[in-house]
Protein backbone atom coordinates (compact mmCIF):
# COMPACT_ATOMS: atom_id res chain seq x y z
CA MET A 1 9.20 -16.99 32.44
CA LYS A 2 7.44 -15.15 29.34
CA THR A 3 8.07 -16.12 25.94
CA THR A 4 7.72 -13.37 23.39
CA VAL A 5 6.58 -14.20 19.79
CA LYS A 6 7.76 -12.04 16.87
CA ILE A 7 5.64 -11.59 14.17
CA LEU A 8 7.42 -11.78 10.83
CA PRO A 9 6.09 -9.65 8.17
CA PRO A 10 4.72 -11.20 4.93
CA ALA A 11 6.67 -12.15 2.20
CA LEU A 12 6.33 -9.45 -0.23
CA THR A 13 7.40 -8.88 -3.86
CA GLU A 14 9.17 -5.68 -5.04
CA LYS A 15 6.26 -4.67 -6.80
CA GLN A 16 4.31 -5.05 -3.35
CA ILE A 17 6.93 -3.12 -1.43
CA ALA A 18 7.07 -0.09 -4.58
CA VAL A 19 3.20 0.13 -4.00
CA LEU A 20 3.39 0.36 -0.08
CA ARG A 21 6.37 2.84 -0.53
CA ALA A 22 4.25 5.07 -2.69
CA LEU A 23 1.45 5.00 -0.19
CA VAL A 24 3.33 6.12 2.45
CA ARG A 25 4.72 9.03 0.65
CA ARG A 26 1.09 9.88 -0.64
CA ASN A 27 0.80 12.82 -3.37
CA PRO A 28 2.58 15.82 -3.04
CA ASP A 29 -0.23 17.66 -1.72
CA GLY A 30 -0.72 14.83 0.90
CA SER A 31 -3.91 13.61 -0.25
CA LEU A 32 -4.28 9.64 -0.75
CA LEU A 33 -3.50 7.47 -3.91
CA ASP A 34 -5.85 5.56 -6.24
CA VAL A 35 -5.39 2.69 -8.40
CA TYR A 36 -4.48 4.79 -11.47
CA GLN A 37 -2.24 7.01 -9.46
CA LEU A 38 -0.47 3.85 -8.30
CA LEU A 39 0.13 2.70 -11.80
CA GLU A 40 1.81 5.73 -12.70
CA ARG A 41 4.19 5.43 -9.59
CA VAL A 42 5.00 1.67 -10.24
CA PRO A 43 6.21 0.68 -13.27
CA GLY A 44 5.36 -2.22 -15.35
CA ALA A 45 2.34 -3.08 -13.57
CA THR A 46 -0.88 -3.73 -15.07
CA ARG A 47 -4.15 -2.43 -13.40
CA SER A 48 -5.32 -6.37 -12.62
CA ALA A 49 -1.96 -7.19 -11.03
CA MET A 50 -2.07 -3.84 -9.02
CA LEU A 51 -5.70 -4.66 -7.77
CA CYS A 52 -4.28 -8.25 -6.64
CA SER A 53 -1.10 -6.27 -4.81
CA LEU A 54 -3.62 -3.90 -3.26
CA ARG A 55 -5.82 -6.99 -2.00
CA HIS A 56 -2.91 -9.06 -0.80
CA LEU A 57 -1.64 -5.70 1.33
CA CYS A 58 -5.23 -5.30 2.66
CA SER A 59 -5.32 -9.02 3.77
CA HIS A 60 -2.24 -8.60 5.83
CA ASP A 61 -3.05 -4.93 7.20
CA LEU A 62 -0.52 -3.24 5.73
CA ILE A 63 -2.99 -0.87 3.86
CA GLU A 64 -6.46 0.07 4.25
CA GLU A 65 -9.23 1.45 1.73
CA ALA A 66 -9.34 4.98 2.81
CA GLY A 67 -12.43 6.04 1.30
CA ARG A 68 -13.58 7.83 -2.07
CA ALA A 69 -11.89 10.57 -4.14
CA ASN A 70 -13.96 12.36 -6.97
CA ARG A 71 -11.23 12.37 -9.70
CA GLY A 72 -13.67 12.78 -12.56
CA ARG A 73 -15.06 9.58 -11.62
CA SER A 74 -15.23 8.14 -7.84
CA ARG A 75 -12.15 6.11 -7.08
CA MET A 76 -11.25 4.05 -4.08
CA THR A 77 -8.17 5.36 -2.30
CA TYR A 78 -5.59 3.40 -0.30
CA ALA A 79 -3.88 4.62 2.82
CA ALA A 80 -0.78 2.63 4.53
CA THR A 81 -1.66 1.36 8.05
CA ALA A 82 0.69 1.55 11.12
CA LYS A 83 2.14 -1.68 10.48
CA GLY A 84 2.87 -0.71 6.65
CA TYR A 85 4.65 2.54 7.78
CA ALA A 86 6.69 0.65 9.97
CA LEU A 87 7.60 -2.16 7.63
CA VAL A 88 8.46 0.66 4.98
CA LYS A 89 10.68 2.36 7.60
CA SER A 90 12.57 -0.73 8.57
CA ARG A 91 13.26 -1.66 5.14
CA LEU A 92 14.80 1.89 4.11
């Protein structure tokens, strides 16, 4: 008899969920978000707290660094993974 193990999603704070939702929605033109754009979309977050949240989400494979965009300066952009999309869709 096979036993299946259900992997539970990691415990996330409300701000981490807001970051993940923003990454799923992307920019209006469909481009990926950088840390400064995320700060505009998630109220009350500092840059250091945002970077900590991004590292946490990356460590749980919910988001990934997607490359760099040149918006005046070269900035890292982030994208939700399939696991991150699934988690957001299940919480809507």
